[in-house]
Amino acid sequence: MDTVLLSDNDIDLVKAAELIRNGEIVGIPTETVYGLGADASNEEAVRKVFAAKGRPADNPLIVHLADFSQAKDYTTSIPDLAYTLAEKFCPGPLTMVLPKNDRIPMITSGGLDTVGIRVPSHPVMHRIIEISGRPIAAPSANTSGYPSPTSAEHVMRDMNGKISAVVDGGSSRFGVESTVIAIEGESTVRILRPGCVTKEMLEQVCSEVIIDHAILHELEAGQKAASPGMKYKHYSPKADIIMVEGELEGFIAYVGEHTGDDVYSLIFDSDSDNFPYRYMTYGKDSSEQAHLLFQRLRELDDAGAVRVYVRAPRPEGVGLAVYNRLIRAAGFEVIRV
């Protein structure tokens, strides 16, 4: 098919919403990354999403709503804590896993009895949900396993000819996918996937915030993924990504022992003065690193990198989200120097 590039004006947003109502797939900007938008209640439309991405069928999709009050239409129960969290963080980059009802097909939930619910803050995504009148499933608009897209150009490169349209809404603000949480008991949450709503932010509302083991480790054999981004190798460019933990001096020495013609380093802005090997930088702090990470991973492929040594961020605050994406891009290969 011909994939049409749409702008973010009202006429084109109506076109995008009509396509979704008719069971088609549209690349849509959100504040996290670009998503492949489809009617979450339409099984055939959701199948098109999985086909376009090459996504495993047991990897659940997140459902995006215009307002958290609509969550009651797609779930069987909503804890009081969920409403408290929604007041503070919705709209925004937070997804809450809740028990689903039959209006959400099992294909959308990856075969689970739960569904991730999110209210996006990006005005384009929000408007398309409102106009379409549909709950919109929107996994990242990339080929499955490849770095997520943070611009319309990225989506067109991955999805041209596979989906009906892409809406250009500019660069994504946060650059990594939403924080996904499960609610346990009356005042405890478990982070299933870290994002820009951090553990520290959640602790302002919850009495306990648990970091799920799978955030920094592979799932055990047979364990089901309760959230996108938990089970498979993700976010990985064609280049071989190797995370390196340690101080800059040790990092430089290690890269020097393993450098070559097609080897790059991905380093912090503050590392760049007199760095002796081929490199790209990805920000001065964890928020900038989150914003730039996927863009840089794609640029490294464009530059012809075969192997990339990455300075690992500290796994705290937003840095936990960056670390999580990198460790999965690296297939859990981490060097400590």
C-alpha atoms as a PDB file:
ATOM      1  CA  MET A   1       0.000   0.000   0.000  1.00  0.00           C
ATOM      2  CA  ASP A   2       0.965   3.652  -0.282  1.00  0.00           C
ATOM      3  CA  THR A   3       1.665   5.150   3.156  1.00  0.00           C
ATOM      4  CA  VAL A   4       0.486   8.758   3.275  1.00  0.00           C
ATOM      5  CA  LEU A   5       2.345  11.346   5.355  1.00  0.00           C
ATOM      6  CA  LEU A   6      -0.185  13.580   7.132  1.00  0.00           C
ATOM      7  CA  SER A   7       0.347  16.844   8.996  1.00  0.00           C
ATOM      8  CA  ASP A   8      -1.029  17.741  12.423  1.00  0.00           C
ATOM      9  CA  ASN A   9      -3.765  20.091  11.152  1.00  0.00           C
ATOM     10  CA  ASP A  10      -7.425  19.390  11.928  1.00  0.00           C
ATOM     11  CA  ILE A  11      -8.259  18.159   8.425  1.00  0.00           C
ATOM     12  CA  ASP A  12      -5.504  15.544   8.489  1.00  0.00           C
ATOM     13  CA  LEU A  13      -6.298  14.489  12.061  1.00  0.00           C
ATOM     14  CA  VAL A  14      -9.882  13.796  10.977  1.00  0.00           C
ATOM     15  CA  LYS A  15      -8.478  11.663   8.121  1.00  0.00           C
ATOM     16  CA  ALA A  16      -6.290   9.759  10.573  1.00  0.00           C
ATOM     17  CA  ALA A  17      -9.213   9.156  12.933  1.00  0.00           C
ATOM     18  CA  GLU A  18     -11.403   7.937  10.057  1.00  0.00           C
ATOM     19  CA  LEU A  19      -8.737   5.458   8.994  1.00  0.00           C
ATOM     20  CA  ILE A  20      -8.602   4.055  12.544  1.00  0.00           C
ATOM     21  CA  ARG A  21     -12.399   3.828  12.734  1.00  0.00           C
ATOM     22  CA  ASN A  22     -12.280   1.862   9.468  1.00  0.00           C
ATOM     23  CA  GLY A  23      -9.830  -0.677  10.864  1.00  0.00           C
ATOM     24  CA  GLU A  24      -6.653   0.765   9.344  1.00  0.00           C
ATOM     25  CA  ILE A  25      -3.291   1.480  11.009  1.00  0.00           C
ATOM     26  CA  VAL A  26      -1.831   4.971  11.448  1.00  0.00           C
ATOM     27  CA  GLY A  27       1.529   6.042  12.850  1.00  0.00           C
ATOM     28  CA  ILE A  28       0.778   8.610  15.571  1.00  0.00           C
ATOM     29  CA  PRO A  29       3.054  10.828  17.672  1.00  0.00           C
ATOM     30  CA  THR A  30       2.901  10.565  21.437  1.00  0.00           C
ATOM     31  CA  GLU A  31       4.942  12.294  24.124  1.00  0.00           C
ATOM     32  CA  THR A  32       6.928   9.059  24.635  1.00  0.00           C
ATOM     33  CA  VAL A  33       7.584   7.591  21.165  1.00  0.00           C
ATOM     34  CA  TYR A  34       5.554   7.265  17.963  1.00  0.00           C
ATOM     35  CA  GLY A  35       2.919   4.530  18.094  1.00  0.00           C
ATOM     36  CA  LEU A  36       1.114   2.334  15.563  1.00  0.00           C
ATOM     37  CA  GLY A  37      -2.465   3.391  16.239  1.00  0.00           C
ATOM     38  CA  ALA A  38      -5.317   0.928  15.756  1.00  0.00           C
ATOM     39  CA  ASP A  39      -8.783   0.374  17.200  1.00  0.00           C
ATOM     40  CA  ALA A  40      -7.965  -1.739  20.270  1.00  0.00           C
ATOM     41  CA  SER A  41     -11.431  -3.320  20.219  1.00  0.00           C
ATOM     42  CA  ASN A  42     -11.130  -4.451  16.571  1.00  0.00           C
ATOM     43  CA  GLU A  43      -9.399  -7.844  16.395  1.00  0.00           C
ATOM     44  CA  GLU A  44      -8.662  -7.576  12.678  1.00  0.00           C
ATOM     45  CA  ALA A  45      -7.112  -4.122  13.072  1.00  0.00           C
ATOM     46  CA  VAL A  46      -4.912  -5.368  15.927  1.00  0.00           C
ATOM     47  CA  ARG A  47      -3.760  -8.289  13.781  1.00  0.00           C
ATOM     48  CA  LYS A  48      -2.586  -5.745  11.208  1.00  0.00           C
ATOM     49  CA  VAL A  49      -0.474  -4.077  13.908  1.00  0.00           C
ATOM     50  CA  PHE A  50       1.241  -7.333  14.818  1.00  0.00           C
ATOM     51  CA  ALA A  51       1.809  -8.099  11.121  1.00  0.00           C
ATOM     52  CA  ALA A  52       3.242  -4.662  10.316  1.00  0.00           C
ATOM     53  CA  LYS A  53       5.671  -4.820  13.238  1.00  0.00           C
ATOM     54  CA  GLY A  54       6.506  -8.513  13.028  1.00  0.00           C
ATOM     55  CA  ARG A  55       5.606  -8.557  16.722  1.00  0.00           C
ATOM     56  CA  PRO A  56       5.185 -11.795  18.727  1.00  0.00           C
ATOM     57  CA  ALA A  57       1.514 -12.390  19.555  1.00  0.00           C
ATOM     58  CA  ASP A  58       2.195 -12.850  23.298  1.00  0.00           C
ATOM     59  CA  ASN A  59       3.555  -9.288  23.634  1.00  0.00           C
ATOM     60  CA  PRO A  60       0.617  -7.220  24.987  1.00  0.00           C
ATOM     61  CA  LEU A  61      -0.444  -3.848  23.598  1.00  0.00           C
ATOM     62  CA  ILE A  62      -1.238  -0.729  25.628  1.00  0.00           C
ATOM     63  CA  VAL A  63      -4.653   0.875  25.182  1.00  0.00           C
ATOM     64  CA  HIS A  64      -4.770   4.678  24.973  1.00  0.00           C
ATOM     65  CA  LEU A  65      -7.816   6.640  26.125  1.00  0.00           C
ATOM     66  CA  ALA A  66      -8.780  10.311  26.015  1.00  0.00           C
ATOM     67  CA  ASP A  67      -9.570  10.405  29.749  1.00  0.00           C
ATOM     68  CA  PHE A  68      -8.958   7.998  32.623  1.00  0.00           C
ATOM     69  CA  SER A  69     -12.686   8.035  33.420  1.00  0.00           C
ATOM     70  CA  GLN A  70     -13.123   5.882  30.275  1.00  0.00           C
ATOM     71  CA  ALA A  71     -11.056   3.073  31.831  1.00  0.00           C
ATOM     72  CA  LYS A  72     -14.206   1.726  33.489  1.00  0.00           C
ATOM     73  CA  ASP A  73     -15.546   0.876  30.026  1.00  0.00           C
ATOM     74  CA  TYR A  74     -12.714  -1.584  29.364  1.00  0.00           C
ATOM     75  CA  THR A  75     -11.898  -3.019  32.801  1.00  0.00           C
ATOM     76  CA  THR A  76     -13.700  -5.100  35.423  1.00  0.00           C
ATOM     77  CA  SER A  77     -12.410  -3.204  38.446  1.00  0.00           C
ATOM     78  CA  ILE A  78     -10.256  -0.173  39.208  1.00  0.00           C
ATOM     79  CA  PRO A  79      -8.493   0.182  42.590  1.00  0.00           C
ATOM     80  CA  ASP A  80      -8.761   3.466  44.466  1.00  0.00           C
ATOM     81  CA  LEU A  81      -4.998   3.880  44.097  1.00  0.00           C
ATOM     82  CA  ALA A  82      -5.375   3.908  40.313  1.00  0.00           C
ATOM     83  CA  TYR A  83      -7.629   6.971  40.530  1.00  0.00           C
ATOM     84  CA  THR A  84      -5.134   8.673  42.843  1.00  0.00           C
ATOM     85  CA  LEU A  85      -2.302   7.951  40.417  1.00  0.00           C
ATOM     86  CA  ALA A  86      -4.406   9.159  37.489  1.00  0.00           C
ATOM     87  CA  GLU A  87      -5.054  12.475  39.227  1.00  0.00           C
ATOM     88  CA  LYS A  88      -1.317  13.056  39.531  1.00  0.00           C
ATOM     89  CA  PHE A  89       0.109  11.517  36.364  1.00  0.00           C
ATOM     90  CA  CYS A  90      -2.647  11.432  33.731  1.00  0.00           C
ATOM     91  CA  PRO A  91      -2.484  12.540  31.039  1.00  0.00           C
ATOM     92  CA  GLY A  92       1.156  11.567  30.785  1.00  0.00           C
ATOM     93  CA  PRO A  93       3.674   8.733  30.339  1.00  0.00           C
ATOM     94  CA  LEU A  94       2.173   6.291  32.864  1.00  0.00           C
ATOM     95  CA  THR A  95       0.464   2.988  32.008  1.00  0.00           C
ATOM     96  CA  MET A  96      -1.524   1.066  34.619  1.00  0.00           C
ATOM     97  CA  VAL A  97      -2.179  -2.661  34.195  1.00  0.00           C
ATOM     98  CA  LEU A  98      -5.769  -3.442  35.178  1.00  0.00           C
ATOM     99  CA  PRO A  99      -8.119  -6.444  34.823  1.00  0.00           C
ATOM    100  CA  LYS A 100      -9.774  -6.190  31.406  1.00  0.00           C
ATOM    101  CA  ASN A 101     -13.325  -6.898  30.290  1.00  0.00           C
ATOM    102  CA  ASP A 102     -14.516  -8.496  27.036  1.00  0.00           C
ATOM    103  CA  ARG A 103     -14.438  -5.215  25.117  1.00  0.00           C
ATOM    104  CA  ILE A 104     -10.679  -5.681  24.866  1.00  0.00           C
ATOM    105  CA  PRO A 105      -9.938  -8.787  22.767  1.00  0.00           C
ATOM    106  CA  MET A 106      -7.385 -11.292  23.980  1.00  0.00           C
ATOM    107  CA  ILE A 107      -5.181 -10.535  20.962  1.00  0.00           C
ATOM    108  CA  THR A 108      -4.835  -6.946  22.188  1.00  0.00           C
ATOM    109  CA  SER A 109      -3.822  -8.068  25.681  1.00  0.00           C
ATOM    110  CA  GLY A 110      -1.358 -10.690  24.467  1.00  0.00           C
ATOM    111  CA  GLY A 111      -3.518 -13.480  25.881  1.00  0.00           C
ATOM    112  CA  LEU A 112      -3.620 -11.940  29.369  1.00  0.00           C
ATOM    113  CA  ASP A 113      -6.677 -11.144  31.494  1.00  0.00           C
ATOM    114  CA  THR A 114      -5.250  -7.670  32.082  1.00  0.00           C
ATOM    115  CA  VAL A 115      -4.754  -4.611  29.918  1.00  0.00           C
ATOM    116  CA  GLY A 116      -2.425  -1.637  30.144  1.00  0.00           C
ATOM    117  CA  ILE A 117      -4.352   1.658  30.194  1.00  0.00           C
ATOM    118  CA  ARG A 118      -2.731   4.998  29.376  1.00  0.00           C
ATOM    119  CA  VAL A 119      -3.934   8.566  28.796  1.00  0.00           C
ATOM    120  CA  PRO A 120      -1.396  10.274  26.511  1.00  0.00           C
ATOM    121  CA  SER A 121      -0.638  13.966  26.840  1.00  0.00           C
ATOM    122  CA  HIS A 122       0.506  14.628  23.277  1.00  0.00           C
ATOM    123  CA  PRO A 123      -2.165  16.892  21.721  1.00  0.00           C
ATOM    124  CA  VAL A 124      -2.131  15.077  18.365  1.00  0.00           C
ATOM    125  CA  MET A 125      -2.622  11.613  19.863  1.00  0.00           C
ATOM    126  CA  HIS A 126      -5.192  12.968  22.292  1.00  0.00           C
ATOM    127  CA  ARG A 127      -7.169  14.624  19.500  1.00  0.00           C
ATOM    128  CA  ILE A 128      -7.162  11.506  17.302  1.00  0.00           C
ATOM    129  CA  ILE A 129      -8.544   9.434  20.179  1.00  0.00           C
ATOM    130  CA  GLU A 130     -11.302  11.996  20.726  1.00  0.00           C
ATOM    131  CA  ILE A 131     -12.270  12.247  17.051  1.00  0.00           C
ATOM    132  CA  SER A 132     -12.167   8.482  16.439  1.00  0.00           C
ATOM    133  CA  GLY A 133     -14.185   7.643  19.539  1.00  0.00           C
ATOM    134  CA  ARG A 134     -12.137   4.453  19.832  1.00  0.00           C
ATOM    135  CA  PRO A 135      -9.714   3.042  22.393  1.00  0.00           C
ATOM    136  CA  ILE A 136      -6.426   3.086  20.513  1.00  0.00           C
ATOM    137  CA  ALA A 137      -3.806   0.368  20.817  1.00  0.00           C
ATOM    138  CA  ALA A 138      -0.469   1.950  19.952  1.00  0.00           C
ATOM    139  CA  PRO A 139       2.742  -0.047  20.355  1.00  0.00           C
ATOM    140  CA  SER A 140       5.900   1.679  19.173  1.00  0.00           C
ATOM    141  CA  ALA A 141       5.773   2.249  15.406  1.00  0.00           C
ATOM    142  CA  ASN A 142       8.955   0.364  14.556  1.00  0.00           C
ATOM    143  CA  THR A 143       9.915  -3.032  13.253  1.00  0.00           C
ATOM    144  CA  SER A 144       9.764  -5.312  16.286  1.00  0.00           C
ATOM    145  CA  GLY A 145      13.070  -5.377  18.165  1.00  0.00           C
ATOM    146  CA  TYR A 146      14.496  -2.285  16.457  1.00  0.00           C
ATOM    147  CA  PRO A 147      14.939   1.067  18.285  1.00  0.00           C
ATOM    148  CA  SER A 148      11.620   2.817  18.828  1.00  0.00           C
ATOM    149  CA  PRO A 149      10.800   5.795  16.563  1.00  0.00           C
ATOM    150  CA  THR A 150      10.852   9.317  17.924  1.00  0.00           C
ATOM    151  CA  SER A 151      10.030  11.114  14.662  1.00  0.00           C
ATOM    152  CA  ALA A 152       7.723  10.673  11.677  1.00  0.00           C
ATOM    153  CA  GLU A 153      10.817  10.072   9.526  1.00  0.00           C
ATOM    154  CA  HIS A 154      11.730   7.048  11.658  1.00  0.00           C
ATOM    155  CA  VAL A 155       8.211   5.640  11.241  1.00  0.00           C
ATOM    156  CA  MET A 156       8.247   6.129   7.476  1.00  0.00           C
ATOM    157  CA  ARG A 157      11.573   4.331   7.232  1.00  0.00           C
ATOM    158  CA  ASP A 158      10.240   1.318   9.139  1.00  0.00           C
ATOM    159  CA  MET A 159       6.598   1.250   8.055  1.00  0.00           C
ATOM    160  CA  ASN A 160       6.358   2.748   4.569  1.00  0.00           C
ATOM    161  CA  GLY A 161       4.142   0.448   2.520  1.00  0.00           C
ATOM    162  CA  LYS A 162       2.931  -1.476   5.594  1.00  0.00           C
ATOM    163  CA  ILE A 163       0.422   0.986   7.118  1.00  0.00           C
ATOM    164  CA  SER A 164      -2.073   3.507   5.766  1.00  0.00           C
ATOM    165  CA  ALA A 165      -0.628   6.779   7.078  1.00  0.00           C
ATOM    166  CA  VAL A 166       1.789   8.522   9.420  1.00  0.00           C
ATOM    167  CA  VAL A 167       0.956  11.777  11.220  1.00  0.00           C
ATOM    168  CA  ASP A 168       3.933  14.104  11.617  1.00  0.00           C
ATOM    169  CA  GLY A 169       3.689  15.652  15.075  1.00  0.00           C
ATOM    170  CA  GLY A 170       7.323  16.590  15.549  1.00  0.00           C
ATOM    171  CA  SER A 171       9.933  14.994  17.782  1.00  0.00           C
ATOM    172  CA  SER A 172       8.753  12.968  20.791  1.00  0.00           C
ATOM    173  CA  ARG A 173       9.307  14.823  24.069  1.00  0.00           C
ATOM    174  CA  PHE A 174      10.471  12.007  26.353  1.00  0.00           C
ATOM    175  CA  GLY A 175      11.999   9.571  23.872  1.00  0.00           C
ATOM    176  CA  VAL A 176      11.345   6.332  25.795  1.00  0.00           C
ATOM    177  CA  GLU A 177       8.121   4.429  26.264  1.00  0.00           C
ATOM    178  CA  SER A 178       5.782   4.959  29.207  1.00  0.00           C
ATOM    179  CA  THR A 179       6.327   3.650  32.711  1.00  0.00           C
ATOM    180  CA  VAL A 180       4.181   0.521  33.179  1.00  0.00           C
ATOM    181  CA  ILE A 181       2.974  -0.394  36.656  1.00  0.00           C
ATOM    182  CA  ALA A 182       0.830  -3.036  38.318  1.00  0.00           C
ATOM    183  CA  ILE A 183      -1.063  -2.199  41.510  1.00  0.00           C
ATOM    184  CA  GLU A 184      -0.607  -4.612  44.413  1.00  0.00           C
ATOM    185  CA  GLY A 185      -2.797  -4.193  47.470  1.00  0.00           C
ATOM    186  CA  GLU A 186      -4.052  -0.808  48.605  1.00  0.00           C
ATOM    187  CA  SER A 187      -0.892   1.264  48.385  1.00  0.00           C
ATOM    188  CA  THR A 188       1.856  -0.689  46.594  1.00  0.00           C
ATOM    189  CA  VAL A 189       2.848  -0.598  42.930  1.00  0.00           C
ATOM    190  CA  ARG A 190       5.263  -2.724  40.961  1.00  0.00           C
ATOM    191  CA  ILE A 191       7.160  -1.125  38.070  1.00  0.00           C
ATOM    192  CA  LEU A 192       7.089  -3.555  35.138  1.00  0.00           C
ATOM    193  CA  ARG A 193       8.773  -1.195  32.679  1.00  0.00           C
ATOM    194  CA  PRO A 194      10.549   1.997  33.757  1.00  0.00           C
ATOM    195  CA  GLY A 195       9.964   5.313  32.018  1.00  0.00           C
ATOM    196  CA  CYS A 196       9.897   9.018  32.758  1.00  0.00           C
ATOM    197  CA  VAL A 197       7.440   8.601  35.629  1.00  0.00           C
ATOM    198  CA  THR A 198      10.129   7.407  38.017  1.00  0.00           C
ATOM    199  CA  LYS A 199      10.196   5.293  41.155  1.00  0.00           C
ATOM    200  CA  GLU A 200      10.861   8.455  43.154  1.00  0.00           C
ATOM    201  CA  MET A 201       7.816  10.182  41.652  1.00  0.00           C
ATOM    202  CA  LEU A 202       5.570   7.203  42.373  1.00  0.00           C
ATOM    203  CA  GLU A 203       6.793   7.099  45.978  1.00  0.00           C
ATOM    204  CA  GLN A 204       5.149  10.493  46.494  1.00  0.00           C
ATOM    205  CA  VAL A 205       1.785   8.715  46.128  1.00  0.00           C
ATOM    206  CA  CYS A 206       2.423   5.067  47.086  1.00  0.00           C
ATOM    207  CA  SER A 207       3.675   3.587  50.328  1.00  0.00           C
ATOM    208  CA  GLU A 208       5.896   1.096  48.471  1.00  0.00           C
ATOM    209  CA  VAL A 209       7.270   0.947  44.933  1.00  0.00           C
ATOM    210  CA  ILE A 210       8.799  -2.353  43.808  1.00  0.00           C
ATOM    211  CA  ILE A 211      11.194  -2.651  40.864  1.00  0.00           C
ATOM    212  CA  ASP A 212      10.290  -5.862  39.056  1.00  0.00           C
ATOM    213  CA  HIS A 213      13.164  -8.321  38.654  1.00  0.00           C
ATOM    214  CA  ALA A 214      12.606  -8.452  34.866  1.00  0.00           C
ATOM    215  CA  ILE A 215      13.547  -4.790  34.429  1.00  0.00           C
ATOM    216  CA  LEU A 216      17.239  -5.621  34.722  1.00  0.00           C
ATOM    217  CA  HIS A 217      17.148  -9.368  34.052  1.00  0.00           C
ATOM    218  CA  GLU A 218      15.733 -11.771  31.486  1.00  0.00           C
ATOM    219  CA  LEU A 219      12.369 -13.386  32.183  1.00  0.00           C
ATOM    220  CA  GLU A 220      12.578 -16.934  33.445  1.00  0.00           C
ATOM    221  CA  ALA A 221      11.637 -19.741  31.070  1.00  0.00           C
ATOM    222  CA  GLY A 222       7.856 -19.956  30.667  1.00  0.00           C
ATOM    223  CA  GLN A 223       7.180 -16.687  32.497  1.00  0.00           C
ATOM    224  CA  LYS A 224       4.555 -14.507  30.810  1.00  0.00           C
ATOM    225  CA  ALA A 225       5.238 -10.873  30.022  1.00  0.00           C
ATOM    226  CA  ALA A 226       2.800  -8.663  31.934  1.00  0.00           C
ATOM    227  CA  SER A 227       4.000  -5.582  30.062  1.00  0.00           C
ATOM    228  CA  PRO A 228       5.478  -4.736  26.682  1.00  0.00           C
ATOM    229  CA  GLY A 229       9.270  -4.661  26.722  1.00  0.00           C
ATOM    230  CA  MET A 230       9.717  -7.455  29.272  1.00  0.00           C
ATOM    231  CA  LYS A 231      10.193 -10.659  27.303  1.00  0.00           C
ATOM    232  CA  TYR A 232      12.120 -10.180  24.084  1.00  0.00           C
ATOM    233  CA  LYS A 233      15.296  -8.485  22.961  1.00  0.00           C
ATOM    234  CA  HIS A 234      14.187  -4.938  22.211  1.00  0.00           C
ATOM    235  CA  TYR A 235      15.363  -1.517  21.092  1.00  0.00           C
ATOM    236  CA  SER A 236      18.367  -2.971  19.285  1.00  0.00           C
ATOM    237  CA  PRO A 237      19.968  -1.528  16.141  1.00  0.00           C
ATOM    238  CA  LYS A 238      21.778  -3.680  13.595  1.00  0.00           C
ATOM    239  CA  ALA A 239      25.040  -2.895  15.373  1.00  0.00           C
ATOM    240  CA  ASP A 240      26.156  -5.081  18.272  1.00  0.00           C
ATOM    241  CA  ILE A 241      25.500  -3.078  21.475  1.00  0.00           C
ATOM    242  CA  ILE A 242      27.756  -3.686  24.490  1.00  0.00           C
ATOM    243  CA  MET A 243      27.143  -1.842  27.746  1.00  0.00           C
ATOM    244  CA  VAL A 244      30.193  -0.881  29.783  1.00  0.00           C
ATOM    245  CA  GLU A 245      29.870   0.099  33.445  1.00  0.00           C
ATOM    246  CA  GLY A 246      32.619   1.986  35.234  1.00  0.00           C
ATOM    247  CA  GLU A 247      34.535   5.237  35.324  1.00  0.00           C
ATOM    248  CA  LEU A 248      35.572   7.035  32.143  1.00  0.00           C
ATOM    249  CA  GLU A 249      39.259   6.117  32.443  1.00  0.00           C
ATOM    250  CA  GLY A 250      38.454   2.432  32.537  1.00  0.00           C
ATOM    251  CA  PHE A 251      35.927   2.799  29.714  1.00  0.00           C
ATOM    252  CA  ILE A 252      38.528   4.459  27.464  1.00  0.00           C
ATOM    253  CA  ALA A 253      41.085   1.760  28.244  1.00  0.00           C
ATOM    254  CA  TYR A 254      38.582  -1.015  27.462  1.00  0.00           C
ATOM    255  CA  VAL A 255      37.482   0.550  24.178  1.00  0.00           C
ATOM    256  CA  GLY A 256      41.121   1.018  23.225  1.00  0.00           C
ATOM    257  CA  GLU A 257      41.706  -2.713  23.617  1.00  0.00           C
ATOM    258  CA  HIS A 258      38.695  -3.567  21.432  1.00  0.00           C
ATOM    259  CA  THR A 259      38.516  -0.766  18.872  1.00  0.00           C
ATOM    260  CA  GLY A 260      38.430  -1.212  15.095  1.00  0.00           C
ATOM    261  CA  ASP A 261      37.321   0.348  11.835  1.00  0.00           C
ATOM    262  CA  ASP A 262      33.589  -0.146  12.435  1.00  0.00           C
ATOM    263  CA  VAL A 263      33.594   0.365  16.211  1.00  0.00           C
ATOM    264  CA  TYR A 264      31.894   3.354  17.843  1.00  0.00           C
ATOM    265  CA  SER A 265      31.317   4.486  21.406  1.00  0.00           C
ATOM    266  CA  LEU A 266      28.130   6.086  22.735  1.00  0.00           C
ATOM    267  CA  ILE A 267      29.157   8.383  25.560  1.00  0.00           C
ATOM    268  CA  PHE A 268      27.898  11.172  27.802  1.00  0.00           C
ATOM    269  CA  ASP A 269      28.350  14.763  26.658  1.00  0.00           C
ATOM    270  CA  SER A 270      30.816  15.320  29.490  1.00  0.00           C
ATOM    271  CA  ASP A 271      33.028  12.478  28.200  1.00  0.00           C
ATOM    272  CA  SER A 272      33.677  14.024  24.799  1.00  0.00           C
ATOM    273  CA  ASP A 273      36.647  16.270  25.601  1.00  0.00           C
ATOM    274  CA  ASN A 274      39.729  14.520  24.212  1.00  0.00           C
ATOM    275  CA  PHE A 275      37.900  11.188  23.802  1.00  0.00           C
ATOM    276  CA  PRO A 276      40.375   9.357  21.544  1.00  0.00           C
ATOM    277  CA  TYR A 277      38.072   7.020  19.595  1.00  0.00           C
ATOM    278  CA  ARG A 278      35.131   7.306  17.194  1.00  0.00           C
ATOM    279  CA  TYR A 279      32.010   8.261  19.153  1.00  0.00           C
ATOM    280  CA  MET A 280      28.589   9.844  19.386  1.00  0.00           C
ATOM    281  CA  THR A 281      27.173  11.516  22.500  1.00  0.00           C
ATOM    282  CA  TYR A 282      23.692  11.018  23.893  1.00  0.00           C
ATOM    283  CA  GLY A 283      23.110  13.771  26.420  1.00  0.00           C
ATOM    284  CA  LYS A 284      24.411  15.462  29.528  1.00  0.00           C
ATOM    285  CA  ASP A 285      21.891  13.905  31.964  1.00  0.00           C
ATOM    286  CA  SER A 286      19.397  11.038  32.128  1.00  0.00           C
ATOM    287  CA  SER A 287      16.493  13.062  30.698  1.00  0.00           C
ATOM    288  CA  GLU A 288      18.527  14.037  27.631  1.00  0.00           C
ATOM    289  CA  GLN A 289      19.798  10.474  27.314  1.00  0.00           C
ATOM    290  CA  ALA A 290      16.221   9.195  27.297  1.00  0.00           C
ATOM    291  CA  HIS A 291      15.254  11.772  24.672  1.00  0.00           C
ATOM    292  CA  LEU A 292      18.209  11.005  22.380  1.00  0.00           C
ATOM    293  CA  LEU A 293      18.875   7.290  22.905  1.00  0.00           C
ATOM    294  CA  PHE A 294      16.768   5.759  20.135  1.00  0.00           C
ATOM    295  CA  GLN A 295      17.716   8.495  17.682  1.00  0.00           C
ATOM    296  CA  ARG A 296      21.391   7.850  18.316  1.00  0.00           C
ATOM    297  CA  LEU A 297      21.021   4.073  17.955  1.00  0.00           C
ATOM    298  CA  ARG A 298      19.473   4.623  14.537  1.00  0.00           C
ATOM    299  CA  GLU A 299      22.192   7.114  13.601  1.00  0.00           C
ATOM    300  CA  LEU A 300      24.868   4.595  14.543  1.00  0.00           C
ATOM    301  CA  ASP A 301      23.368   2.165  12.036  1.00  0.00           C
ATOM    302  CA  ASP A 302      23.349   4.925   9.415  1.00  0.00           C
ATOM    303  CA  ALA A 303      27.033   5.568  10.174  1.00  0.00           C
ATOM    304  CA  GLY A 304      27.860   1.918   9.513  1.00  0.00           C
ATOM    305  CA  ALA A 305      28.719   0.932  13.073  1.00  0.00           C
ATOM    306  CA  VAL A 306      29.146  -2.801  13.553  1.00  0.00           C
ATOM    307  CA  ARG A 307      29.909  -2.720  17.293  1.00  0.00           C
ATOM    308  CA  VAL A 308      29.049   0.005  19.808  1.00  0.00           C
ATOM    309  CA  TYR A 309      30.375   0.339  23.354  1.00  0.00           C
ATOM    310  CA  VAL A 310      27.933   2.336  25.478  1.00  0.00           C
ATOM    311  CA  ARG A 311      28.677   4.211  28.676  1.00  0.00           C
ATOM    312  CA  ALA A 312      26.025   2.844  31.014  1.00  0.00           C
ATOM    313  CA  PRO A 313      23.940   5.392  32.936  1.00  0.00           C
ATOM    314  CA  ARG A 314      23.221   5.020  36.617  1.00  0.00           C
ATOM    315  CA  PRO A 315      20.022   2.912  37.002  1.00  0.00           C
ATOM    316  CA  GLU A 316      18.153   5.480  39.083  1.00  0.00           C
ATOM    317  CA  GLY A 317      15.521   8.100  38.282  1.00  0.00           C
ATOM    318  CA  VAL A 318      14.979   8.380  34.527  1.00  0.00           C
ATOM    319  CA  GLY A 319      18.369   6.686  34.190  1.00  0.00           C
ATOM    320  CA  LEU A 320      16.681   3.391  35.101  1.00  0.00           C
ATOM    321  CA  ALA A 321      14.566   3.640  31.935  1.00  0.00           C
ATOM    322  CA  VAL A 322      17.653   4.348  29.813  1.00  0.00           C
ATOM    323  CA  TYR A 323      19.565   1.495  31.459  1.00  0.00           C
ATOM    324  CA  ASN A 324      16.618  -0.870  30.890  1.00  0.00           C
ATOM    325  CA  ARG A 325      16.444  -0.043  27.166  1.00  0.00           C
ATOM    326  CA  LEU A 326      20.195  -0.403  26.756  1.00  0.00           C
ATOM    327  CA  ILE A 327      20.519  -3.689  28.604  1.00  0.00           C
ATOM    328  CA  ARG A 328      17.820  -5.177  26.375  1.00  0.00           C
ATOM    329  CA  ALA A 329      19.383  -3.689  23.256  1.00  0.00           C
ATOM    330  CA  ALA A 330      22.622  -5.359  24.376  1.00  0.00           C
ATOM    331  CA  GLY A 331      20.965  -8.720  24.964  1.00  0.00           C
ATOM    332  CA  PHE A 332      22.004  -8.373  28.637  1.00  0.00           C
ATOM    333  CA  GLU A 333      25.710  -8.208  27.751  1.00  0.00           C
ATOM    334  CA  VAL A 334      27.325  -5.885  30.310  1.00  0.00           C
ATOM    335  CA  ILE A 335      31.059  -5.348  30.845  1.00  0.00           C
ATOM    336  CA  ARG A 336      32.210  -3.943  34.196  1.00  0.00           C
ATOM    337  CA  VAL A 337      35.559  -2.143  34.224  1.00  0.00           C
END
